[in-house]
C-alpha atoms as a PDB file:
ATOM      1  CA  MET A   1     -51.517 -13.563  25.500  1.00  0.00           C
ATOM      2  CA  LYS A   2     -51.926 -14.558  21.855  1.00  0.00           C
ATOM      3  CA  LYS A   3     -52.805 -10.981  20.979  1.00  0.00           C
ATOM      4  CA  ALA A   4     -49.642  -9.729  22.693  1.00  0.00           C
ATOM      5  CA  LEU A   5     -47.508 -12.246  20.819  1.00  0.00           C
ATOM      6  CA  LYS A   6     -49.061 -11.138  17.518  1.00  0.00           C
ATOM      7  CA  VAL A   7     -48.223  -7.516  18.312  1.00  0.00           C
ATOM      8  CA  ILE A   8     -44.655  -8.422  19.202  1.00  0.00           C
ATOM      9  CA  GLY A   9     -44.371 -10.489  16.042  1.00  0.00           C
ATOM     10  CA  ARG A  10     -45.616  -7.616  13.897  1.00  0.00           C
ATOM     11  CA  VAL A  11     -43.193  -5.196  15.579  1.00  0.00           C
ATOM     12  CA  ILE A  12     -40.272  -7.577  14.934  1.00  0.00           C
ATOM     13  CA  LEU A  13     -41.388  -8.093  11.323  1.00  0.00           C
ATOM     14  CA  ALA A  14     -41.699  -4.348  10.794  1.00  0.00           C
ATOM     15  CA  PHE A  15     -38.242  -3.825  12.286  1.00  0.00           C
ATOM     16  CA  LEU A  16     -36.707  -6.502  10.021  1.00  0.00           C
ATOM     17  CA  ILE A  17     -38.389  -4.978   6.980  1.00  0.00           C
ATOM     18  CA  PHE A  18     -37.038  -1.572   8.001  1.00  0.00           C
ATOM     19  CA  ILE A  19     -33.493  -2.961   8.366  1.00  0.00           C
ATOM     20  CA  LEU A  20     -33.786  -4.697   4.983  1.00  0.00           C
ATOM     21  CA  LEU A  21     -34.891  -1.449   3.347  1.00  0.00           C
ATOM     22  CA  ILE A  22     -31.961   0.414   4.906  1.00  0.00           C
ATOM     23  CA  ILE A  23     -29.536  -2.224   3.598  1.00  0.00           C
ATOM     24  CA  LEU A  24     -31.102  -2.095   0.118  1.00  0.00           C
ATOM     25  CA  ILE A  25     -30.839   1.696   0.078  1.00  0.00           C
ATOM     26  CA  CYS A  26     -27.178   1.506   1.175  1.00  0.00           C
ATOM     27  CA  PHE A  27     -26.446  -1.163  -1.433  1.00  0.00           C
ATOM     28  CA  PHE A  28     -27.809   0.905  -4.326  1.00  0.00           C
ATOM     29  CA  TYR A  29     -26.222   4.043  -2.901  1.00  0.00           C
ATOM     30  CA  GLN A  30     -22.797   2.350  -2.914  1.00  0.00           C
ATOM     31  CA  LYS A  31     -23.260   1.133  -6.491  1.00  0.00           C
ATOM     32  CA  SER A  32     -24.138   4.665  -7.573  1.00  0.00           C
ATOM     33  CA  ALA A  33     -21.240   6.159  -5.589  1.00  0.00           C
ATOM     34  CA  GLN A  34     -18.749   3.682  -7.042  1.00  0.00           C
ATOM     35  CA  LYS A  35     -19.957   4.532 -10.542  1.00  0.00           C
ATOM     36  CA  LYS A  36     -19.239   8.180  -9.786  1.00  0.00           C
ATOM     37  CA  ASP A  37     -15.844   7.181  -8.318  1.00  0.00           C
ATOM     38  CA  ARG A  38     -14.925   5.459 -11.550  1.00  0.00           C
ATOM     39  CA  ALA A  39     -16.044   8.428 -13.647  1.00  0.00           C
ATOM     40  CA  LEU A  40     -13.952  10.793 -11.507  1.00  0.00           C
ATOM     41  CA  LEU A  41     -10.861   8.579 -11.727  1.00  0.00           C
ATOM     42  CA  GLU A  42     -11.344   8.246 -15.482  1.00  0.00           C
ATOM     43  CA  LYS A  43     -11.589  12.022 -15.851  1.00  0.00           C
ATOM     44  CA  ASP A  44      -8.501  12.615 -13.712  1.00  0.00           C
ATOM     45  CA  GLY A  45      -6.430  10.026 -15.572  1.00  0.00           C
ATOM     46  CA  PHE A  46      -6.078   7.393 -12.851  1.00  0.00           C
ATOM     47  CA  ILE A  47      -7.441   4.482 -14.884  1.00  0.00           C
ATOM     48  CA  ASN A  48      -5.179   2.408 -17.118  1.00  0.00           C
ATOM     49  CA  LEU A  49      -6.177  -1.251 -16.882  1.00  0.00           C
ATOM     50  CA  VAL A  50      -3.742  -3.771 -18.348  1.00  0.00           C
ATOM     51  CA  SER A  51      -3.964  -7.567 -18.420  1.00  0.00           C
ATOM     52  CA  ALA A  52      -1.838  -9.234 -15.742  1.00  0.00           C
ATOM     53  CA  GLY A  53      -2.913 -12.696 -16.842  1.00  0.00           C
ATOM     54  CA  ASP A  54      -6.052 -13.769 -14.997  1.00  0.00           C
ATOM     55  CA  TYR A  55      -6.959 -10.244 -13.822  1.00  0.00           C
ATOM     56  CA  ASP A  56      -6.566  -6.639 -14.969  1.00  0.00           C
ATOM     57  CA  MET A  57      -4.025  -4.490 -13.149  1.00  0.00           C
ATOM     58  CA  ASN A  58      -4.259  -0.717 -12.968  1.00  0.00           C
ATOM     59  CA  ILE A  59      -0.941   0.845 -14.000  1.00  0.00           C
ATOM     60  CA  ASN A  60      -0.424   4.612 -13.871  1.00  0.00           C
ATOM     61  CA  ILE A  61       2.567   6.228 -15.561  1.00  0.00           C
ATOM     62  CA  TYR A  62       3.691   9.668 -14.436  1.00  0.00           C
ATOM     63  CA  GLY A  63       6.183  11.367 -16.725  1.00  0.00           C
ATOM     64  CA  ASP A  64       8.067  10.268 -19.812  1.00  0.00           C
ATOM     65  CA  GLY A  65      11.672  10.354 -18.629  1.00  0.00           C
ATOM     66  CA  LYS A  66      14.482   7.965 -19.482  1.00  0.00           C
ATOM     67  CA  TYR A  67      14.473   6.567 -15.938  1.00  0.00           C
ATOM     68  CA  LYS A  68      11.375   4.457 -15.370  1.00  0.00           C
ATOM     69  CA  ILE A  69      10.882   3.526 -11.730  1.00  0.00           C
ATOM     70  CA  ILE A  70       8.394   0.764 -10.928  1.00  0.00           C
ATOM     71  CA  ALA A  71       6.655   1.999  -7.765  1.00  0.00           C
ATOM     72  CA  MET A  72       5.140  -0.835  -5.714  1.00  0.00           C
ATOM     73  CA  PRO A  73       2.579  -0.224  -2.907  1.00  0.00           C
ATOM     74  CA  GLY A  74       2.575  -1.303   0.704  1.00  0.00           C
ATOM     75  CA  SER A  75      -0.111  -3.523   2.208  1.00  0.00           C
ATOM     76  CA  GLY A  76      -3.658  -2.457   1.334  1.00  0.00           C
ATOM     77  CA  ASP A  77      -2.549   0.943   0.015  1.00  0.00           C
ATOM     78  CA  ALA A  78      -5.193   1.605  -2.640  1.00  0.00           C
ATOM     79  CA  GLU A  79      -4.298   5.324  -2.702  1.00  0.00           C
ATOM     80  CA  PHE A  80      -0.600   4.677  -3.443  1.00  0.00           C
ATOM     81  CA  THR A  81      -0.904   5.817  -7.047  1.00  0.00           C
ATOM     82  CA  VAL A  82      -2.048   9.259  -5.820  1.00  0.00           C
ATOM     83  CA  ASP A  83       0.945   9.355  -3.460  1.00  0.00           C
ATOM     84  CA  MET A  84       3.242   8.639  -6.396  1.00  0.00           C
ATOM     85  CA  LYS A  85       1.626  11.311  -8.556  1.00  0.00           C
ATOM     86  CA  MET A  86       2.350  13.769  -5.749  1.00  0.00           C
ATOM     87  CA  LEU A  87       5.928  12.480  -5.353  1.00  0.00           C
ATOM     88  CA  LYS A  88       6.533  12.859  -9.098  1.00  0.00           C
ATOM     89  CA  GLU A  89       5.976  16.603  -8.707  1.00  0.00           C
ATOM     90  CA  HIS A  90       9.193  16.679  -6.623  1.00  0.00           C
ATOM     91  CA  LEU A  91      11.285  14.690  -9.122  1.00  0.00           C
ATOM     92  CA  ARG A  92      13.210  15.765 -12.214  1.00  0.00           C
ATOM     93  CA  ASP A  93      11.623  15.579 -15.659  1.00  0.00           C
ATOM     94  CA  ASP A  94      13.927  12.729 -16.714  1.00  0.00           C
ATOM     95  CA  ILE A  95      12.339  10.432 -14.088  1.00  0.00           C
ATOM     96  CA  SER A  96       9.088   8.560 -14.681  1.00  0.00           C
ATOM     97  CA  LEU A  97       7.120   6.733 -12.010  1.00  0.00           C
ATOM     98  CA  VAL A  98       5.281   3.621 -13.180  1.00  0.00           C
ATOM     99  CA  CYS A  99       2.843   2.812 -10.383  1.00  0.00           C
ATOM    100  CA  VAL A 100       1.743  -0.827 -10.355  1.00  0.00           C
ATOM    101  CA  SER A 101      -0.905  -2.397  -8.143  1.00  0.00           C
ATOM    102  CA  ARG A 102      -2.020  -5.773  -6.803  1.00  0.00           C
ATOM    103  CA  PRO A 103      -5.288  -7.764  -6.872  1.00  0.00           C
ATOM    104  CA  GLY A 104      -8.055  -6.079  -4.909  1.00  0.00           C
ATOM    105  CA  TYR A 105      -6.275  -2.721  -4.606  1.00  0.00           C
ATOM    106  CA  GLY A 106      -8.397   0.186  -5.871  1.00  0.00           C
ATOM    107  CA  LEU A 107      -9.244  -0.359  -9.534  1.00  0.00           C
ATOM    108  CA  CYS A 108      -7.148  -3.514  -9.771  1.00  0.00           C
ATOM    109  CA  GLU A 109      -9.388  -6.540 -10.186  1.00  0.00           C
ATOM    110  CA  GLU A 110      -9.662  -9.400  -7.724  1.00  0.00           C
ATOM    111  CA  THR A 111      -8.242 -12.829  -8.478  1.00  0.00           C
ATOM    112  CA  GLU A 112      -9.167 -16.327  -7.388  1.00  0.00           C
ATOM    113  CA  HIS A 113      -5.494 -17.313  -7.419  1.00  0.00           C
ATOM    114  CA  ASP A 114      -3.610 -17.857  -4.170  1.00  0.00           C
ATOM    115  CA  ILE A 115      -1.663 -14.660  -3.401  1.00  0.00           C
ATOM    116  CA  THR A 116       1.902 -15.932  -3.272  1.00  0.00           C
ATOM    117  CA  THR A 117       5.196 -14.126  -3.755  1.00  0.00           C
ATOM    118  CA  GLU A 118       5.750 -15.915  -7.050  1.00  0.00           C
ATOM    119  CA  TYR A 119       2.256 -15.078  -8.303  1.00  0.00           C
ATOM    120  CA  ILE A 120       2.528 -11.359  -7.524  1.00  0.00           C
ATOM    121  CA  VAL A 121       5.897 -11.056  -9.244  1.00  0.00           C
ATOM    122  CA  GLU A 122       4.833 -13.052 -12.306  1.00  0.00           C
ATOM    123  CA  SER A 123       1.553 -11.167 -12.749  1.00  0.00           C
ATOM    124  CA  THR A 124       3.315  -7.803 -12.330  1.00  0.00           C
ATOM    125  CA  ARG A 125       5.919  -8.781 -14.930  1.00  0.00           C
ATOM    126  CA  THR A 126       3.099  -9.764 -17.292  1.00  0.00           C
ATOM    127  CA  ALA A 127       1.239  -6.499 -16.744  1.00  0.00           C
ATOM    128  CA  LEU A 128       4.336  -4.370 -17.339  1.00  0.00           C
ATOM    129  CA  LYS A 129       5.078  -6.252 -20.535  1.00  0.00           C
ATOM    130  CA  ASN A 130       1.501  -5.745 -21.733  1.00  0.00           C
ATOM    131  CA  ALA A 131       1.759  -2.049 -20.816  1.00  0.00           C
ATOM    132  CA  GLY A 132       4.795  -1.727 -23.075  1.00  0.00           C
ATOM    133  CA  ILE A 133       7.251  -1.007 -20.248  1.00  0.00           C
ATOM    134  CA  GLU A 134      10.571  -2.509 -21.276  1.00  0.00           C
ATOM    135  CA  THR A 135      13.239  -3.990 -19.039  1.00  0.00           C
ATOM    136  CA  PRO A 136      15.513  -3.382 -17.255  1.00  0.00           C
ATOM    137  CA  TYR A 137      13.431  -1.982 -14.405  1.00  0.00           C
ATOM    138  CA  ILE A 138      14.285   0.158 -11.409  1.00  0.00           C
ATOM    139  CA  LEU A 139      12.099  -1.192  -8.616  1.00  0.00           C
ATOM    140  CA  MET A 140      10.856   1.050  -5.799  1.00  0.00           C
ATOM    141  CA  PRO A 141       8.921  -1.048  -3.254  1.00  0.00           C
ATOM    142  CA  HIS A 142       7.287   0.411  -0.175  1.00  0.00           C
ATOM    143  CA  SER A 143       6.649  -1.643   2.970  1.00  0.00           C
ATOM    144  CA  MET A 144       5.174  -5.075   2.092  1.00  0.00           C
ATOM    145  CA  SER A 145       6.372  -4.814  -1.508  1.00  0.00           C
ATOM    146  CA  GLY A 146       9.896  -5.333  -0.180  1.00  0.00           C
ATOM    147  CA  ILE A 147       8.980  -9.038  -0.166  1.00  0.00           C
ATOM    148  CA  TYR A 148       8.186  -9.035  -3.875  1.00  0.00           C
ATOM    149  CA  ALA A 149      11.080  -6.788  -4.923  1.00  0.00           C
ATOM    150  CA  THR A 150      13.583  -8.955  -3.022  1.00  0.00           C
ATOM    151  CA  TYR A 151      12.329 -12.083  -4.771  1.00  0.00           C
ATOM    152  CA  TRP A 152      12.187 -10.304  -8.146  1.00  0.00           C
ATOM    153  CA  GLU A 153      15.717  -8.923  -8.160  1.00  0.00           C
ATOM    154  CA  SER A 154      17.114 -12.219  -6.834  1.00  0.00           C
ATOM    155  CA  THR A 155      15.208 -14.425  -9.289  1.00  0.00           C
ATOM    156  CA  TYR A 156      15.345 -12.242 -12.405  1.00  0.00           C
ATOM    157  CA  PRO A 157      18.465 -10.080 -11.956  1.00  0.00           C
ATOM    158  CA  ASP A 158      18.781  -9.440 -15.695  1.00  0.00           C
ATOM    159  CA  GLU A 159      15.477  -7.536 -15.586  1.00  0.00           C
ATOM    160  CA  ILE A 160      16.537  -5.157 -12.827  1.00  0.00           C
ATOM    161  CA  SER A 161      18.991  -2.252 -13.077  1.00  0.00           C
ATOM    162  CA  GLY A 162      18.395  -0.884  -9.583  1.00  0.00           C
ATOM    163  CA  VAL A 163      16.220  -1.099  -6.467  1.00  0.00           C
ATOM    164  CA  ILE A 164      15.085   1.701  -4.128  1.00  0.00           C
ATOM    165  CA  PHE A 165      13.620   0.180  -0.949  1.00  0.00           C
ATOM    166  CA  LEU A 166      11.227   2.626   0.742  1.00  0.00           C
ATOM    167  CA  ASP A 167      11.287   1.516   4.389  1.00  0.00           C
ATOM    168  CA  SER A 168      10.441  -1.937   3.098  1.00  0.00           C
ATOM    169  CA  ILE A 169       9.671  -5.124   4.962  1.00  0.00           C
ATOM    170  CA  ASN A 170      12.908  -7.035   5.242  1.00  0.00           C
ATOM    171  CA  GLU A 171      14.427 -10.163   6.730  1.00  0.00           C
ATOM    172  CA  ALA A 172      14.417  -8.567  10.194  1.00  0.00           C
ATOM    173  CA  THR A 173      10.623  -8.201  10.122  1.00  0.00           C
ATOM    174  CA  LYS A 174       8.875 -10.512  12.553  1.00  0.00           C
ATOM    175  CA  GLU A 175       6.245 -12.979  11.416  1.00  0.00           C
ATOM    176  CA  THR A 176       2.661 -12.169  12.365  1.00  0.00           C
ATOM    177  CA  THR A 177       0.797 -14.212  14.953  1.00  0.00           C
ATOM    178  CA  ASP A 178      -2.858 -15.235  15.058  1.00  0.00           C
ATOM    179  CA  GLU A 179      -3.387 -12.689  17.821  1.00  0.00           C
ATOM    180  CA  GLU A 180      -1.970  -9.866  15.709  1.00  0.00           C
ATOM    181  CA  TRP A 181      -4.154 -10.526  12.690  1.00  0.00           C
ATOM    182  CA  SER A 182      -7.375 -12.327  11.940  1.00  0.00           C
ATOM    183  CA  GLU A 183      -9.790 -12.239   9.019  1.00  0.00           C
ATOM    184  CA  PRO A 184     -12.625  -9.694   9.332  1.00  0.00           C
ATOM    185  CA  PRO A 185     -15.837 -11.331  10.610  1.00  0.00           C
ATOM    186  CA  SER A 186     -18.331 -12.356   7.915  1.00  0.00           C
ATOM    187  CA  ALA A 187     -20.925  -9.945   9.308  1.00  0.00           C
ATOM    188  CA  ILE A 188     -18.510  -7.012   8.945  1.00  0.00           C
ATOM    189  CA  LYS A 189     -17.646  -8.006   5.377  1.00  0.00           C
ATOM    190  CA  PHE A 190     -21.371  -8.256   4.608  1.00  0.00           C
ATOM    191  CA  LEU A 191     -22.019  -4.741   5.906  1.00  0.00           C
ATOM    192  CA  CYS A 192     -19.155  -3.450   3.761  1.00  0.00           C
ATOM    193  CA  ASN A 193     -20.356  -5.238   0.626  1.00  0.00           C
ATOM    194  CA  ALA A 194     -23.910  -4.094   1.347  1.00  0.00           C
ATOM    195  CA  GLY A 195     -22.755  -0.478   1.300  1.00  0.00           C
ATOM    196  CA  VAL A 196     -23.554   0.314   4.935  1.00  0.00           C
ATOM    197  CA  PHE A 197     -20.007   1.446   5.748  1.00  0.00           C
ATOM    198  CA  ARG A 198     -19.790   3.519   2.566  1.00  0.00           C
ATOM    199  CA  ALA A 199     -23.051   5.296   3.367  1.00  0.00           C
ATOM    200  CA  ILE A 200     -21.916   6.055   6.914  1.00  0.00           C
ATOM    201  CA  THR A 201     -18.449   7.333   5.929  1.00  0.00           C
ATOM    202  CA  ASP A 202     -19.874   9.510   3.168  1.00  0.00           C
ATOM    203  CA  LEU A 203     -22.581  10.845   5.469  1.00  0.00           C
ATOM    204  CA  PHE A 204     -20.029  11.969   8.064  1.00  0.00           C
ATOM    205  CA  GLY A 205     -17.314  12.961   5.573  1.00  0.00           C
ATOM    206  CA  ALA A 206     -14.874  10.381   6.938  1.00  0.00           C
ATOM    207  CA  SER A 207     -13.873   9.170   3.466  1.00  0.00           C
ATOM    208  CA  THR A 208     -11.998  12.353   2.525  1.00  0.00           C
ATOM    209  CA  ASP A 209      -8.447  13.220   3.579  1.00  0.00           C
ATOM    210  CA  ASP A 210      -7.574  16.888   3.178  1.00  0.00           C
ATOM    211  CA  SER A 211      -3.852  16.092   3.300  1.00  0.00           C
ATOM    212  CA  TYR A 212      -4.139  14.931  -0.327  1.00  0.00           C
ATOM    213  CA  GLY A 213      -4.970  18.492  -1.386  1.00  0.00           C
ATOM    214  CA  ILE A 214      -6.392  18.652  -4.904  1.00  0.00           C
ATOM    215  CA  TYR A 215      -6.263  14.850  -5.100  1.00  0.00           C
ATOM    216  CA  LYS A 216      -8.335  14.156  -1.974  1.00  0.00           C
ATOM    217  CA  GLU A 217     -11.416  13.096  -3.937  1.00  0.00           C
ATOM    218  CA  ASP A 218      -9.334  10.778  -6.121  1.00  0.00           C
ATOM    219  CA  ALA A 219      -7.728   9.178  -3.066  1.00  0.00           C
ATOM    220  CA  ALA A 220     -11.137   8.629  -1.478  1.00  0.00           C
ATOM    221  CA  ALA A 221     -12.502   7.178  -4.725  1.00  0.00           C
ATOM    222  CA  LEU A 222      -9.638   4.680  -5.049  1.00  0.00           C
ATOM    223  CA  TYR A 223     -10.401   3.288  -1.613  1.00  0.00           C
ATOM    224  CA  GLY A 224     -14.187   3.589  -1.879  1.00  0.00           C
ATOM    225  CA  ILE A 225     -14.387   1.694  -5.156  1.00  0.00           C
ATOM    226  CA  ASN A 226     -13.016  -1.449  -3.439  1.00  0.00           C
ATOM    227  CA  PRO A 227     -12.114  -1.152   0.276  1.00  0.00           C
ATOM    228  CA  THR A 228      -8.921  -3.179   0.613  1.00  0.00           C
ATOM    229  CA  ALA A 229      -9.648  -4.133   4.229  1.00  0.00           C
ATOM    230  CA  PHE A 230     -12.493  -6.314   2.960  1.00  0.00           C
ATOM    231  CA  SER A 231     -11.037  -7.370  -0.404  1.00  0.00           C
ATOM    232  CA  ASP A 232     -10.714 -11.152  -0.673  1.00  0.00           C
ATOM    233  CA  SER A 233      -7.393 -10.809  -2.493  1.00  0.00           C
ATOM    234  CA  CYS A 234      -5.960  -8.435   0.130  1.00  0.00           C
ATOM    235  CA  ILE A 235      -7.122 -10.723   2.911  1.00  0.00           C
ATOM    236  CA  GLY A 236      -5.494 -13.633   1.078  1.00  0.00           C
ATOM    237  CA  GLU A 237      -2.261 -11.644   0.840  1.00  0.00           C
ATOM    238  CA  LEU A 238      -2.248 -11.062   4.589  1.00  0.00           C
ATOM    239  CA  LYS A 239      -3.000 -14.725   5.249  1.00  0.00           C
ATOM    240  CA  ASN A 240       0.095 -15.638   3.243  1.00  0.00           C
ATOM    241  CA  PHE A 241       2.299 -12.958   4.798  1.00  0.00           C
ATOM    242  CA  ASN A 242       4.604 -15.302   6.725  1.00  0.00           C
ATOM    243  CA  THR A 243       4.894 -17.800   3.865  1.00  0.00           C
ATOM    244  CA  ASN A 244       5.533 -15.058   1.328  1.00  0.00           C
ATOM    245  CA  MET A 245       8.320 -13.607   3.452  1.00  0.00           C
ATOM    246  CA  LYS A 246      10.002 -17.004   3.777  1.00  0.00           C
ATOM    247  CA  THR A 247       9.843 -17.464  -0.003  1.00  0.00           C
ATOM    248  CA  ALA A 248      11.468 -14.085  -0.598  1.00  0.00           C
ATOM    249  CA  TRP A 249      14.244 -14.468   1.975  1.00  0.00           C
ATOM    250  CA  ALA A 250      15.052 -17.993   0.761  1.00  0.00           C
ATOM    251  CA  SER A 251      15.461 -16.626  -2.772  1.00  0.00           C
ATOM    252  CA  ILE A 252      18.125 -14.039  -1.882  1.00  0.00           C
ATOM    253  CA  LYS A 253      21.227 -14.249  -4.048  1.00  0.00           C
ATOM    254  CA  SER A 254      23.796 -11.556  -3.445  1.00  0.00           C
ATOM    255  CA  ASN A 255      24.391  -9.610  -6.657  1.00  0.00           C
ATOM    256  CA  HIS A 256      25.876  -6.370  -7.965  1.00  0.00           C
ATOM    257  CA  ILE A 257      22.593  -4.669  -8.837  1.00  0.00           C
ATOM    258  CA  PRO A 258      22.798  -1.150  -7.306  1.00  0.00           C
ATOM    259  CA  LYS A 259      20.387  -0.790  -4.404  1.00  0.00           C
ATOM    260  CA  VAL A 260      19.546   1.751  -1.724  1.00  0.00           C
ATOM    261  CA  TYR A 261      17.466   1.139   1.391  1.00  0.00           C
ATOM    262  CA  ILE A 262      15.720   4.228   2.792  1.00  0.00           C
ATOM    263  CA  SER A 263      15.107   3.691   6.506  1.00  0.00           C
ATOM    264  CA  THR A 264      13.088   6.022   8.724  1.00  0.00           C
ATOM    265  CA  ASP A 265      14.620   5.577  12.200  1.00  0.00           C
ATOM    266  CA  TYR A 266      14.351   8.445  14.682  1.00  0.00           C
ATOM    267  CA  GLN A 267      17.829   9.862  15.266  1.00  0.00           C
ATOM    268  CA  THR A 268      16.866  12.509  17.824  1.00  0.00           C
ATOM    269  CA  LEU A 269      13.938  13.485  20.042  1.00  0.00           C
ATOM    270  CA  GLU A 270      13.296  16.359  17.633  1.00  0.00           C
ATOM    271  CA  ASN A 271      12.748  13.803  14.846  1.00  0.00           C
ATOM    272  CA  VAL A 272       9.973  12.234  16.915  1.00  0.00           C
ATOM    273  CA  LYS A 273       8.337  15.580  17.625  1.00  0.00           C
ATOM    274  CA  GLU A 274       8.451  16.386  13.916  1.00  0.00           C
ATOM    275  CA  TYR A 275       6.750  13.044  13.192  1.00  0.00           C
ATOM    276  CA  LEU A 276       3.999  13.707  15.753  1.00  0.00           C
ATOM    277  CA  ILE A 277       3.314  17.124  14.254  1.00  0.00           C
ATOM    278  CA  PHE A 278       3.062  15.495  10.828  1.00  0.00           C
ATOM    279  CA  THR A 279       0.623  12.805  11.999  1.00  0.00           C
ATOM    280  CA  ASN A 280      -1.352  14.607  14.713  1.00  0.00           C
ATOM    281  CA  GLY A 281      -0.838  18.290  14.003  1.00  0.00           C
ATOM    282  CA  GLU A 282       0.871  18.738  17.362  1.00  0.00           C
ATOM    283  CA  SER A 283       3.624  17.227  19.483  1.00  0.00           C
ATOM    284  CA  ASP A 284       3.060  15.827  22.953  1.00  0.00           C
ATOM    285  CA  GLU A 285       6.254  15.846  25.039  1.00  0.00           C
ATOM    286  CA  GLU A 286       5.386  12.681  26.962  1.00  0.00           C
ATOM    287  CA  ARG A 287       4.400  10.763  23.849  1.00  0.00           C
ATOM    288  CA  ALA A 288       7.493  11.972  22.004  1.00  0.00           C
ATOM    289  CA  GLN A 289       9.779  10.734  24.790  1.00  0.00           C
ATOM    290  CA  GLU A 290       7.926   7.409  24.860  1.00  0.00           C
ATOM    291  CA  LEU A 291       8.412   6.857  21.127  1.00  0.00           C
ATOM    292  CA  PHE A 292      12.057   7.898  21.294  1.00  0.00           C
ATOM    293  CA  ASP A 293      12.691   5.463  24.165  1.00  0.00           C
ATOM    294  CA  GLU A 294      11.067   2.683  22.113  1.00  0.00           C
ATOM    295  CA  GLU A 295      13.435   3.480  19.256  1.00  0.00           C
ATOM    296  CA  GLN A 296      16.396   3.052  21.594  1.00  0.00           C
ATOM    297  CA  SER A 297      15.068  -0.191  23.082  1.00  0.00           C
ATOM    298  CA  GLU A 298      16.909  -3.495  22.915  1.00  0.00           C
ATOM    299  CA  GLU A 299      14.240  -4.892  20.599  1.00  0.00           C
ATOM    300  CA  GLN A 300      14.591  -2.066  18.076  1.00  0.00           C
ATOM    301  CA  THR A 301      18.386  -2.184  18.317  1.00  0.00           C
ATOM    302  CA  GLU A 302      18.246  -5.889  17.472  1.00  0.00           C
ATOM    303  CA  TYR A 303      15.873  -5.161  14.590  1.00  0.00           C
ATOM    304  CA  ARG A 304      18.259  -2.592  13.093  1.00  0.00           C
ATOM    305  CA  LYS A 305      21.161  -5.015  13.461  1.00  0.00           C
ATOM    306  CA  ASN A 306      19.246  -7.747  11.607  1.00  0.00           C
ATOM    307  CA  ARG A 307      18.077  -5.290   8.973  1.00  0.00           C
ATOM    308  CA  THR A 308      21.693  -4.321   8.308  1.00  0.00           C
ATOM    309  CA  GLU A 309      22.533  -8.001   7.858  1.00  0.00           C
ATOM    310  CA  TYR A 310      19.721  -8.269   5.293  1.00  0.00           C
ATOM    311  CA  ILE A 311      20.962  -5.179   3.452  1.00  0.00           C
ATOM    312  CA  ASN A 312      24.492  -6.601   3.344  1.00  0.00           C
ATOM    313  CA  LYS A 313      23.202  -9.980   2.187  1.00  0.00           C
ATOM    314  CA  LEU A 314      21.514  -8.393  -0.837  1.00  0.00           C
ATOM    315  CA  GLY A 315      24.839  -7.103  -2.102  1.00  0.00           C
ATOM    316  CA  ASN A 316      25.708  -3.606  -3.354  1.00  0.00           C
ATOM    317  CA  CYS A 317      23.028  -2.027  -1.144  1.00  0.00           C
ATOM    318  CA  LYS A 318      23.518   1.217   0.753  1.00  0.00           C
ATOM    319  CA  GLU A 319      21.317   2.361   3.635  1.00  0.00           C
ATOM    320  CA  ILE A 320      20.257   6.002   3.891  1.00  0.00           C
ATOM    321  CA  ASN A 321      18.136   7.150   6.822  1.00  0.00           C
ATOM    322  CA  ILE A 322      15.468   9.850   6.579  1.00  0.00           C
ATOM    323  CA  SER A 323      13.920  10.172  10.029  1.00  0.00           C
ATOM    324  CA  GLY A 324      10.143  10.223  10.008  1.00  0.00           C
ATOM    325  CA  SER A 325       6.966   8.413   9.101  1.00  0.00           C
ATOM    326  CA  HIS A 326       6.792   4.958   7.530  1.00  0.00           C
ATOM    327  CA  PHE A 327       5.207   6.893   4.641  1.00  0.00           C
ATOM    328  CA  ILE A 328       8.344   8.959   4.314  1.00  0.00           C
ATOM    329  CA  TYR A 329       7.732   9.794   0.645  1.00  0.00           C
ATOM    330  CA  TYR A 330       4.560  11.546   1.812  1.00  0.00           C
ATOM    331  CA  GLN A 331       6.029  13.339   4.816  1.00  0.00           C
ATOM    332  CA  LYS A 332       9.347  14.355   3.261  1.00  0.00           C
ATOM    333  CA  PRO A 333       9.022  14.150  -0.536  1.00  0.00           C
ATOM    334  CA  ASP A 334      11.949  16.497  -1.195  1.00  0.00           C
ATOM    335  CA  ALA A 335      14.326  14.443   0.943  1.00  0.00           C
ATOM    336  CA  CYS A 336      13.171  11.254  -0.790  1.00  0.00           C
ATOM    337  CA  ALA A 337      13.492  12.869  -4.190  1.00  0.00           C
ATOM    338  CA  GLU A 338      17.086  13.855  -3.410  1.00  0.00           C
ATOM    339  CA  VAL A 339      18.007  10.268  -2.481  1.00  0.00           C
ATOM    340  CA  ILE A 340      16.267   8.908  -5.579  1.00  0.00           C
ATOM    341  CA  GLU A 341      17.930  11.378  -7.925  1.00  0.00           C
ATOM    342  CA  ASN A 342      21.402  10.816  -6.440  1.00  0.00           C
ATOM    343  CA  PHE A 343      20.882   7.070  -6.718  1.00  0.00           C
ATOM    344  CA  LEU A 344      19.900   7.332 -10.391  1.00  0.00           C
ATOM    345  CA  ASP A 345      22.906   9.578 -11.116  1.00  0.00           C
ATOM    346  CA  GLY A 346      25.093   6.853  -9.666  1.00  0.00           C
ATOM    347  CA  LEU A 347      23.766   4.297 -12.145  1.00  0.00           C
ATOM    348  CA  GLU A 348      25.471   6.034 -15.044  1.00  0.00           C
END
């Protein structure tokens, strides 16, 4: 019996040593891979770290036009700066895109500060000032950044000459519940930090997205260098989602700053099929009808009604719909570029 227990003990010990070696290999592999990520991003011009106060923010500037649009990413979108570089290729030469970031996104450093609406706006203002970008700004928030842009243009209207909302979170957006979101388990975060996930995704090629074309390696590097799903700052931002929304909506002061809200509602069944082809490469008739019916539902009708009330409350804001993906600037860059350019022409 004792001999059997010794054998079992040795087998367990050997197994634990094996697991530890695997983790150590993955850890050093990730460190090496992230070093290569940084070198690639440096070579391709995606690194421009600027002090935002207690952390360094990565700010990329595309173009040198007279119109400088401050592009603000949606939740956890580390690759947003690549998206904006691609969008810039569809815009006129007199338009520059200044792509800001947030703590824990891609090359942007983490922060120990609580991620509040006020903090994000203040740190972004500081970073832009340190980057030499002068006011007034034209803000272009996508998704979650609608919270910060709403607060910004309401609190510091003298700094803003226009706002382009890209299907942004708005006052009609529902608060999240505990069932809808919870912090990643500690064991999962450990495996990410230990490099296990990075090794697996690289081994199976899951970290590359061919839709980015020549920028696919840059997009993968921006996520791989600091996966936002496990970033403490990004998790803190999601924890504060409901509170941050309330802060932004409470700050709203109707003003005359020109604004446009680009919505992405499906107008026809063909719009849905087009979306499915974009996301899945093909359109399923049953799924298309299901999505279209959801768009016509009482819940979505109520959402659009409340969103219109938010748009009206902002003052001097026009809604323009481009049917498609939430990432409409990626699916239909030319249509977005046309709205942006017409909006800027109207500022003069």
